[in-house]
Amino acid sequence: DVLKVRKDFPMLNGKTMQGKPLIYLDNGATTLKPKVVIE
């Protein structure tokens, strides 16, 4: 469930510097980190 998975990533539940939700499409450079890895 993609929508459920997205809740695992803190950076997808915040805002960008422009005050907009982050749309992260540079995963070839690096990926976002889920809470289990951070923890």
ModelCIF file with pLDDT and N, C-alpha, C, O atoms, coordinates in Angstrom:
data_MODEL
#
_entry.id   MODEL 
#
_entity.id                         1 
_entity.type                       polymer 
_entity.pdbx_number_of_molecules   1 
#
_entity_poly.entity_id                      1 
_entity_poly.type                           'polypeptide(L)' 
_entity_poly.nstd_linkage                   no 
_entity_poly.nstd_monomer                   no 
_entity_poly.pdbx_seq_one_letter_code       DVLKVRKDFPMLNGKTMQGKPLIYLDNGATTLKPKVVIE 
_entity_poly.pdbx_seq_one_letter_code_can   DVLKVRKDFPMLNGKTMQGKPLIYLDNGATTLKPKVVIE 
_entity_poly.pdbx_strand_id                 A 
#
loop_
_entity_poly_seq.entity_id 
_entity_poly_seq.num 
_entity_poly_seq.mon_id 
_entity_poly_seq.hetero 
1 1  ASP n 
1 2  VAL n 
1 3  LEU n 
1 4  LYS n 
1 5  VAL n 
1 6  ARG n 
1 7  LYS n 
1 8  ASP n 
1 9  PHE n 
1 10 PRO n 
1 11 MET n 
1 12 LEU n 
1 13 ASN n 
1 14 GLY n 
1 15 LYS n 
1 16 THR n 
1 17 MET n 
1 18 GLN n 
1 19 GLY n 
1 20 LYS n 
1 21 PRO n 
1 22 LEU n 
1 23 ILE n 
1 24 TYR n 
1 25 LEU n 
1 26 ASP n 
1 27 ASN n 
1 28 GLY n 
1 29 ALA n 
1 30 THR n 
1 31 THR n 
1 32 LEU n 
1 33 LYS n 
1 34 PRO n 
1 35 LYS n 
1 36 VAL n 
1 37 VAL n 
1 38 ILE n 
1 39 GLU n 
#
_struct_asym.id          A 
_struct_asym.entity_id   1 
#
loop_
_ma_qa_metric.id 
_ma_qa_metric.mode 
_ma_qa_metric.name 
_ma_qa_metric.software_group_id 
_ma_qa_metric.type 
1 global pLDDT . pLDDT 
2 local  pLDDT . pLDDT 
#
_ma_qa_metric_global.metric_id      1 
_ma_qa_metric_global.metric_value   92.77 
_ma_qa_metric_global.model_id       1 
_ma_qa_metric_global.ordinal_id     1 
#
loop_
_ma_qa_metric_local.label_asym_id 
_ma_qa_metric_local.label_comp_id 
_ma_qa_metric_local.label_seq_id 
_ma_qa_metric_local.metric_id 
_ma_qa_metric_local.metric_value 
_ma_qa_metric_local.model_id 
_ma_qa_metric_local.ordinal_id 
A ASP 1  2 97.00 1 1  
A VAL 2  2 97.00 1 2  
A LEU 3  2 96.00 1 3  
A LYS 4  2 97.00 1 4  
A VAL 5  2 98.00 1 5  
A ARG 6  2 98.00 1 6  
A LYS 7  2 97.00 1 7  
A ASP 8  2 98.00 1 8  
A PHE 9  2 97.00 1 9  
A PRO 10 2 96.00 1 10 
A MET 11 2 95.00 1 11 
A LEU 12 2 95.00 1 12 
A ASN 13 2 89.00 1 13 
A GLY 14 2 80.00 1 14 
A LYS 15 2 74.00 1 15 
A THR 16 2 71.00 1 16 
A MET 17 2 64.00 1 17 
A GLN 18 2 72.00 1 18 
A GLY 19 2 81.00 1 19 
A LYS 20 2 85.00 1 20 
A PRO 21 2 90.00 1 21 
A LEU 22 2 94.00 1 22 
A ILE 23 2 96.00 1 23 
A TYR 24 2 97.00 1 24 
A LEU 25 2 98.00 1 25 
A ASP 26 2 97.00 1 26 
A ASN 27 2 97.00 1 27 
A GLY 28 2 96.00 1 28 
A ALA 29 2 96.00 1 29 
A THR 30 2 98.00 1 30 
A THR 31 2 98.00 1 31 
A LEU 32 2 98.00 1 32 
A LYS 33 2 98.00 1 33 
A PRO 34 2 98.00 1 34 
A LYS 35 2 98.00 1 35 
A VAL 36 2 98.00 1 36 
A VAL 37 2 98.00 1 37 
A ILE 38 2 98.00 1 38 
A GLU 39 2 98.00 1 39 
#
loop_
_atom_site.group_PDB 
_atom_site.id 
_atom_site.type_symbol 
_atom_site.label_atom_id 
_atom_site.label_alt_id 
_atom_site.label_comp_id 
_atom_site.label_asym_id 
_atom_site.label_entity_id 
_atom_site.label_seq_id 
_atom_site.pdbx_PDB_ins_code 
_atom_site.Cartn_x 
_atom_site.Cartn_y 
_atom_site.Cartn_z 
_atom_site.occupancy 
_atom_site.B_iso_or_equiv 
_atom_site.pdbx_formal_charge 
_atom_site.auth_seq_id 
_atom_site.auth_comp_id 
_atom_site.auth_asym_id 
_atom_site.auth_atom_id 
_atom_site.pdbx_PDB_model_num 
ATOM 1   N N  . ASP A 1 1  ? 0.859  -1.184 0.000  1.00 97.00 ? 1  ASP A N  1 
ATOM 2   C CA . ASP A 1 1  ? 0.000  0.000  0.000  1.00 97.00 ? 1  ASP A CA 1 
ATOM 3   C C  . ASP A 1 1  ? 0.898  1.239  0.000  1.00 97.00 ? 1  ASP A C  1 
ATOM 4   O O  . ASP A 1 1  ? 1.527  1.555  1.010  1.00 97.00 ? 1  ASP A O  1 
ATOM 5   N N  . VAL A 1 2  ? 0.954  1.940  -1.142 1.00 97.00 ? 2  VAL A N  1 
ATOM 6   C CA . VAL A 1 2  ? 1.880  3.058  -1.294 1.00 97.00 ? 2  VAL A CA 1 
ATOM 7   C C  . VAL A 1 2  ? 1.566  4.182  -0.300 1.00 97.00 ? 2  VAL A C  1 
ATOM 8   O O  . VAL A 1 2  ? 2.477  4.750  0.302  1.00 97.00 ? 2  VAL A O  1 
ATOM 9   N N  . LEU A 1 3  ? 0.304  4.497  -0.132 1.00 96.00 ? 3  LEU A N  1 
ATOM 10  C CA . LEU A 1 3  ? -0.063 5.581  0.778  1.00 96.00 ? 3  LEU A CA 1 
ATOM 11  C C  . LEU A 1 3  ? 0.315  5.239  2.214  1.00 96.00 ? 3  LEU A C  1 
ATOM 12  O O  . LEU A 1 3  ? 0.719  6.113  2.981  1.00 96.00 ? 3  LEU A O  1 
ATOM 13  N N  . LYS A 1 4  ? 0.183  3.983  2.569  1.00 97.00 ? 4  LYS A N  1 
ATOM 14  C CA . LYS A 1 4  ? 0.590  3.551  3.904  1.00 97.00 ? 4  LYS A CA 1 
ATOM 15  C C  . LYS A 1 4  ? 2.100  3.620  4.048  1.00 97.00 ? 4  LYS A C  1 
ATOM 16  O O  . LYS A 1 4  ? 2.610  4.047  5.084  1.00 97.00 ? 4  LYS A O  1 
ATOM 17  N N  . VAL A 1 5  ? 2.823  3.198  3.003  1.00 98.00 ? 5  VAL A N  1 
ATOM 18  C CA . VAL A 1 5  ? 4.285  3.230  3.023  1.00 98.00 ? 5  VAL A CA 1 
ATOM 19  C C  . VAL A 1 5  ? 4.798  4.655  3.193  1.00 98.00 ? 5  VAL A C  1 
ATOM 20  O O  . VAL A 1 5  ? 5.770  4.879  3.914  1.00 98.00 ? 5  VAL A O  1 
ATOM 21  N N  . ARG A 1 6  ? 4.162  5.609  2.544  1.00 98.00 ? 6  ARG A N  1 
ATOM 22  C CA . ARG A 1 6  ? 4.618  6.996  2.607  1.00 98.00 ? 6  ARG A CA 1 
ATOM 23  C C  . ARG A 1 6  ? 4.619  7.549  4.031  1.00 98.00 ? 6  ARG A C  1 
ATOM 24  O O  . ARG A 1 6  ? 5.383  8.460  4.348  1.00 98.00 ? 6  ARG A O  1 
ATOM 25  N N  . LYS A 1 7  ? 3.769  7.000  4.877  1.00 97.00 ? 7  LYS A N  1 
ATOM 26  C CA . LYS A 1 7  ? 3.725  7.448  6.270  1.00 97.00 ? 7  LYS A CA 1 
ATOM 27  C C  . LYS A 1 7  ? 4.979  7.049  7.037  1.00 97.00 ? 7  LYS A C  1 
ATOM 28  O O  . LYS A 1 7  ? 5.257  7.582  8.111  1.00 97.00 ? 7  LYS A O  1 
ATOM 29  N N  . ASP A 1 8  ? 5.738  6.101  6.472  1.00 98.00 ? 8  ASP A N  1 
ATOM 30  C CA . ASP A 1 8  ? 6.972  5.665  7.126  1.00 98.00 ? 8  ASP A CA 1 
ATOM 31  C C  . ASP A 1 8  ? 8.116  6.658  6.952  1.00 98.00 ? 8  ASP A C  1 
ATOM 32  O O  . ASP A 1 8  ? 9.149  6.530  7.609  1.00 98.00 ? 8  ASP A O  1 
ATOM 33  N N  . PHE A 1 9  ? 7.945  7.646  6.074  1.00 97.00 ? 9  PHE A N  1 
ATOM 34  C CA . PHE A 1 9  ? 9.039  8.549  5.712  1.00 97.00 ? 9  PHE A CA 1 
ATOM 35  C C  . PHE A 1 9  ? 8.752  9.963  6.215  1.00 97.00 ? 9  PHE A C  1 
ATOM 36  O O  . PHE A 1 9  ? 7.907  10.659 5.652  1.00 97.00 ? 9  PHE A O  1 
ATOM 37  N N  . PRO A 1 10 ? 9.440  10.390 7.259  1.00 96.00 ? 10 PRO A N  1 
ATOM 38  C CA . PRO A 1 10 ? 9.181  11.713 7.838  1.00 96.00 ? 10 PRO A CA 1 
ATOM 39  C C  . PRO A 1 10 ? 9.272  12.853 6.832  1.00 96.00 ? 10 PRO A C  1 
ATOM 40  O O  . PRO A 1 10 ? 8.501  13.809 6.917  1.00 96.00 ? 10 PRO A O  1 
ATOM 41  N N  . MET A 1 11 ? 10.199 12.771 5.882  1.00 95.00 ? 11 MET A N  1 
ATOM 42  C CA . MET A 1 11 ? 10.376 13.868 4.939  1.00 95.00 ? 11 MET A CA 1 
ATOM 43  C C  . MET A 1 11 ? 9.208  14.011 3.968  1.00 95.00 ? 11 MET A C  1 
ATOM 44  O O  . MET A 1 11 ? 9.050  15.064 3.349  1.00 95.00 ? 11 MET A O  1 
ATOM 45  N N  . LEU A 1 12 ? 8.395  12.979 3.825  1.00 95.00 ? 12 LEU A N  1 
ATOM 46  C CA . LEU A 1 12 ? 7.228  13.070 2.956  1.00 95.00 ? 12 LEU A CA 1 
ATOM 47  C C  . LEU A 1 12 ? 6.012  13.609 3.692  1.00 95.00 ? 12 LEU A C  1 
ATOM 48  O O  . LEU A 1 12 ? 4.946  13.780 3.101  1.00 95.00 ? 12 LEU A O  1 
ATOM 49  N N  . ASN A 1 13 ? 6.171  13.870 4.962  1.00 89.00 ? 13 ASN A N  1 
ATOM 50  C CA . ASN A 1 13 ? 5.046  14.359 5.756  1.00 89.00 ? 13 ASN A CA 1 
ATOM 51  C C  . ASN A 1 13 ? 5.304  15.755 6.307  1.00 89.00 ? 13 ASN A C  1 
ATOM 52  O O  . ASN A 1 13 ? 4.668  16.195 7.264  1.00 89.00 ? 13 ASN A O  1 
ATOM 53  N N  . GLY A 1 14 ? 6.270  16.449 5.668  1.00 80.00 ? 14 GLY A N  1 
ATOM 54  C CA . GLY A 1 14 ? 6.579  17.820 6.058  1.00 80.00 ? 14 GLY A CA 1 
ATOM 55  C C  . GLY A 1 14 ? 6.374  18.766 4.894  1.00 80.00 ? 14 GLY A C  1 
ATOM 56  O O  . GLY A 1 14 ? 5.575  18.490 3.999  1.00 80.00 ? 14 GLY A O  1 
ATOM 57  N N  . LYS A 1 15 ? 7.077  19.863 4.898  1.00 74.00 ? 15 LYS A N  1 
ATOM 58  C CA . LYS A 1 15 ? 6.968  20.875 3.853  1.00 74.00 ? 15 LYS A CA 1 
ATOM 59  C C  . LYS A 1 15 ? 8.352  21.198 3.311  1.00 74.00 ? 15 LYS A C  1 
ATOM 60  O O  . LYS A 1 15 ? 9.354  21.018 4.003  1.00 74.00 ? 15 LYS A O  1 
ATOM 61  N N  . THR A 1 16 ? 8.405  21.677 2.070  1.00 71.00 ? 16 THR A N  1 
ATOM 62  C CA . THR A 1 16 ? 9.658  22.136 1.496  1.00 71.00 ? 16 THR A CA 1 
ATOM 63  C C  . THR A 1 16 ? 9.914  23.570 1.927  1.00 71.00 ? 16 THR A C  1 
ATOM 64  O O  . THR A 1 16 ? 9.119  24.163 2.656  1.00 71.00 ? 16 THR A O  1 
ATOM 65  N N  . MET A 1 17 ? 11.030 24.121 1.469  1.00 64.00 ? 17 MET A N  1 
ATOM 66  C CA . MET A 1 17 ? 11.346 25.514 1.789  1.00 64.00 ? 17 MET A CA 1 
ATOM 67  C C  . MET A 1 17 ? 10.336 26.465 1.166  1.00 64.00 ? 17 MET A C  1 
ATOM 68  O O  . MET A 1 17 ? 10.167 27.594 1.626  1.00 64.00 ? 17 MET A O  1 
ATOM 69  N N  . GLN A 1 18 ? 9.662  25.999 0.109  1.00 72.00 ? 18 GLN A N  1 
ATOM 70  C CA . GLN A 1 18 ? 8.660  26.842 -0.536 1.00 72.00 ? 18 GLN A CA 1 
ATOM 71  C C  . GLN A 1 18 ? 7.290  26.701 0.134  1.00 72.00 ? 18 GLN A C  1 
ATOM 72  O O  . GLN A 1 18 ? 6.310  27.294 -0.316 1.00 72.00 ? 18 GLN A O  1 
ATOM 73  N N  . GLY A 1 19 ? 7.230  25.921 1.197  1.00 81.00 ? 19 GLY A N  1 
ATOM 74  C CA . GLY A 1 19 ? 5.969  25.737 1.894  1.00 81.00 ? 19 GLY A CA 1 
ATOM 75  C C  . GLY A 1 19 ? 5.061  24.740 1.221  1.00 81.00 ? 19 GLY A C  1 
ATOM 76  O O  . GLY A 1 19 ? 3.877  24.664 1.551  1.00 81.00 ? 19 GLY A O  1 
ATOM 77  N N  . LYS A 1 20 ? 5.577  23.984 0.299  1.00 85.00 ? 20 LYS A N  1 
ATOM 78  C CA . LYS A 1 20 ? 4.785  22.994 -0.429 1.00 85.00 ? 20 LYS A CA 1 
ATOM 79  C C  . LYS A 1 20 ? 5.221  21.596 -0.010 1.00 85.00 ? 20 LYS A C  1 
ATOM 80  O O  . LYS A 1 20 ? 6.350  21.410 0.445  1.00 85.00 ? 20 LYS A O  1 
ATOM 81  N N  . PRO A 1 21 ? 4.328  20.598 -0.160 1.00 90.00 ? 21 PRO A N  1 
ATOM 82  C CA . PRO A 1 21 ? 4.752  19.216 0.113  1.00 90.00 ? 21 PRO A CA 1 
ATOM 83  C C  . PRO A 1 21 ? 5.892  18.821 -0.808 1.00 90.00 ? 21 PRO A C  1 
ATOM 84  O O  . PRO A 1 21 ? 5.907  19.191 -1.982 1.00 90.00 ? 21 PRO A O  1 
ATOM 85  N N  . LEU A 1 22 ? 6.837  18.077 -0.280 1.00 94.00 ? 22 LEU A N  1 
ATOM 86  C CA . LEU A 1 22 ? 7.985  17.643 -1.064 1.00 94.00 ? 22 LEU A CA 1 
ATOM 87  C C  . LEU A 1 22 ? 7.578  16.561 -2.053 1.00 94.00 ? 22 LEU A C  1 
ATOM 88  O O  . LEU A 1 22 ? 6.941  15.572 -1.690 1.00 94.00 ? 22 LEU A O  1 
ATOM 89  N N  . ILE A 1 23 ? 7.959  16.770 -3.319 1.00 96.00 ? 23 ILE A N  1 
ATOM 90  C CA . ILE A 1 23 ? 7.850  15.727 -4.338 1.00 96.00 ? 23 ILE A CA 1 
ATOM 91  C C  . ILE A 1 23 ? 9.277  15.359 -4.695 1.00 96.00 ? 23 ILE A C  1 
ATOM 92  O O  . ILE A 1 23 ? 9.956  16.092 -5.413 1.00 96.00 ? 23 ILE A O  1 
ATOM 93  N N  . TYR A 1 24 ? 9.722  14.234 -4.196 1.00 97.00 ? 24 TYR A N  1 
ATOM 94  C CA . TYR A 1 24 ? 11.126 13.865 -4.310 1.00 97.00 ? 24 TYR A CA 1 
ATOM 95  C C  . TYR A 1 24 ? 11.316 12.878 -5.451 1.00 97.00 ? 24 TYR A C  1 
ATOM 96  O O  . TYR A 1 24 ? 10.897 11.723 -5.366 1.00 97.00 ? 24 TYR A O  1 
ATOM 97  N N  . LEU A 1 25 ? 11.958 13.351 -6.531 1.00 98.00 ? 25 LEU A N  1 
ATOM 98  C CA . LEU A 1 25 ? 12.149 12.542 -7.737 1.00 98.00 ? 25 LEU A CA 1 
ATOM 99  C C  . LEU A 1 25 ? 13.630 12.480 -8.121 1.00 98.00 ? 25 LEU A C  1 
ATOM 100 O O  . LEU A 1 25 ? 13.977 12.447 -9.302 1.00 98.00 ? 25 LEU A O  1 
ATOM 101 N N  . ASP A 1 26 ? 14.489 12.466 -7.107 1.00 97.00 ? 26 ASP A N  1 
ATOM 102 C CA . ASP A 1 26 ? 15.932 12.343 -7.343 1.00 97.00 ? 26 ASP A CA 1 
ATOM 103 C C  . ASP A 1 26 ? 16.479 11.125 -6.603 1.00 97.00 ? 26 ASP A C  1 
ATOM 104 O O  . ASP A 1 26 ? 17.529 11.194 -5.965 1.00 97.00 ? 26 ASP A O  1 
ATOM 105 N N  . ASN A 1 27 ? 15.763 10.024 -6.696 1.00 97.00 ? 27 ASN A N  1 
ATOM 106 C CA . ASN A 1 27 ? 16.129 8.819  -5.958 1.00 97.00 ? 27 ASN A CA 1 
ATOM 107 C C  . ASN A 1 27 ? 17.364 8.129  -6.519 1.00 97.00 ? 27 ASN A C  1 
ATOM 108 O O  . ASN A 1 27 ? 17.971 7.300  -5.841 1.00 97.00 ? 27 ASN A O  1 
ATOM 109 N N  . GLY A 1 28 ? 17.742 8.460  -7.749 1.00 96.00 ? 28 GLY A N  1 
ATOM 110 C CA . GLY A 1 28 ? 18.976 7.923  -8.299 1.00 96.00 ? 28 GLY A CA 1 
ATOM 111 C C  . GLY A 1 28 ? 20.199 8.495  -7.602 1.00 96.00 ? 28 GLY A C  1 
ATOM 112 O O  . GLY A 1 28 ? 21.266 7.880  -7.605 1.00 96.00 ? 28 GLY A O  1 
ATOM 113 N N  . ALA A 1 29 ? 20.046 9.681  -6.998 1.00 96.00 ? 29 ALA A N  1 
ATOM 114 C CA . ALA A 1 29 ? 21.141 10.321 -6.264 1.00 96.00 ? 29 ALA A CA 1 
ATOM 115 C C  . ALA A 1 29 ? 21.208 9.798  -4.834 1.00 96.00 ? 29 ALA A C  1 
ATOM 116 O O  . ALA A 1 29 ? 22.267 9.383  -4.363 1.00 96.00 ? 29 ALA A O  1 
ATOM 117 N N  . THR A 1 30 ? 20.075 9.822  -4.154 1.00 98.00 ? 30 THR A N  1 
ATOM 118 C CA . THR A 1 30 ? 19.955 9.232  -2.825 1.00 98.00 ? 30 THR A CA 1 
ATOM 119 C C  . THR A 1 30 ? 18.479 9.070  -2.542 1.00 98.00 ? 30 THR A C  1 
ATOM 120 O O  . THR A 1 30 ? 17.641 9.690  -3.196 1.00 98.00 ? 30 THR A O  1 
ATOM 121 N N  . THR A 1 31 ? 18.160 8.237  -1.565 1.00 98.00 ? 31 THR A N  1 
ATOM 122 C CA . THR A 1 31 ? 16.764 7.978  -1.237 1.00 98.00 ? 31 THR A CA 1 
ATOM 123 C C  . THR A 1 31 ? 16.431 8.514  0.153  1.00 98.00 ? 31 THR A C  1 
ATOM 124 O O  . THR A 1 31 ? 17.319 8.785  0.962  1.00 98.00 ? 31 THR A O  1 
ATOM 125 N N  . LEU A 1 32 ? 15.153 8.657  0.407  1.00 98.00 ? 32 LEU A N  1 
ATOM 126 C CA . LEU A 1 32 ? 14.698 9.087  1.717  1.00 98.00 ? 32 LEU A CA 1 
ATOM 127 C C  . LEU A 1 32 ? 14.798 7.917  2.705  1.00 98.00 ? 32 LEU A C  1 
ATOM 128 O O  . LEU A 1 32 ? 14.919 6.759  2.305  1.00 98.00 ? 32 LEU A O  1 
ATOM 129 N N  . LYS A 1 33 ? 14.746 8.240  3.987  1.00 98.00 ? 33 LYS A N  1 
ATOM 130 C CA . LYS A 1 33 ? 14.974 7.219  5.015  1.00 98.00 ? 33 LYS A CA 1 
ATOM 131 C C  . LYS A 1 33 ? 13.695 6.970  5.815  1.00 98.00 ? 33 LYS A C  1 
ATOM 132 O O  . LYS A 1 33 ? 13.084 7.916  6.312  1.00 98.00 ? 33 LYS A O  1 
ATOM 133 N N  . PRO A 1 34 ? 13.286 5.710  5.944  1.00 98.00 ? 34 PRO A N  1 
ATOM 134 C CA . PRO A 1 34 ? 12.104 5.401  6.760  1.00 98.00 ? 34 PRO A CA 1 
ATOM 135 C C  . PRO A 1 34 ? 12.426 5.467  8.246  1.00 98.00 ? 34 PRO A C  1 
ATOM 136 O O  . PRO A 1 34 ? 13.587 5.437  8.654  1.00 98.00 ? 34 PRO A O  1 
ATOM 137 N N  . LYS A 1 35 ? 11.382 5.555  9.031  1.00 98.00 ? 35 LYS A N  1 
ATOM 138 C CA . LYS A 1 35 ? 11.559 5.697  10.476 1.00 98.00 ? 35 LYS A CA 1 
ATOM 139 C C  . LYS A 1 35 ? 12.319 4.525  11.095 1.00 98.00 ? 35 LYS A C  1 
ATOM 140 O O  . LYS A 1 35 ? 13.074 4.712  12.049 1.00 98.00 ? 35 LYS A O  1 
ATOM 141 N N  . VAL A 1 36 ? 12.125 3.322  10.561 1.00 98.00 ? 36 VAL A N  1 
ATOM 142 C CA . VAL A 1 36 ? 12.807 2.166  11.167 1.00 98.00 ? 36 VAL A CA 1 
ATOM 143 C C  . VAL A 1 36 ? 14.317 2.274  11.026 1.00 98.00 ? 36 VAL A C  1 
ATOM 144 O O  . VAL A 1 36 ? 15.052 1.833  11.910 1.00 98.00 ? 36 VAL A O  1 
ATOM 145 N N  . VAL A 1 37 ? 14.789 2.854  9.931  1.00 98.00 ? 37 VAL A N  1 
ATOM 146 C CA . VAL A 1 37 ? 16.231 3.045  9.749  1.00 98.00 ? 37 VAL A CA 1 
ATOM 147 C C  . VAL A 1 37 ? 16.737 4.137  10.677 1.00 98.00 ? 37 VAL A C  1 
ATOM 148 O O  . VAL A 1 37 ? 17.773 3.982  11.324 1.00 98.00 ? 37 VAL A O  1 
ATOM 149 N N  . ILE A 1 38 ? 16.013 5.231  10.739 1.00 98.00 ? 38 ILE A N  1 
ATOM 150 C CA . ILE A 1 38 ? 16.391 6.333  11.628 1.00 98.00 ? 38 ILE A CA 1 
ATOM 151 C C  . ILE A 1 38 ? 16.447 5.854  13.075 1.00 98.00 ? 38 ILE A C  1 
ATOM 152 O O  . ILE A 1 38 ? 17.374 6.186  13.814 1.00 98.00 ? 38 ILE A O  1 
ATOM 153 N N  . GLU A 1 39 ? 15.458 5.081  13.467 1.00 98.00 ? 39 GLU A N  1 
ATOM 154 C CA . GLU A 1 39 ? 15.380 4.594  14.843 1.00 98.00 ? 39 GLU A CA 1 
ATOM 155 C C  . GLU A 1 39 ? 16.504 3.609  15.156 1.00 98.00 ? 39 GLU A C  1 
ATOM 156 O O  . GLU A 1 39 ? 16.586 3.101  16.274 1.00 98.00 ? 39 GLU A O  1 
#
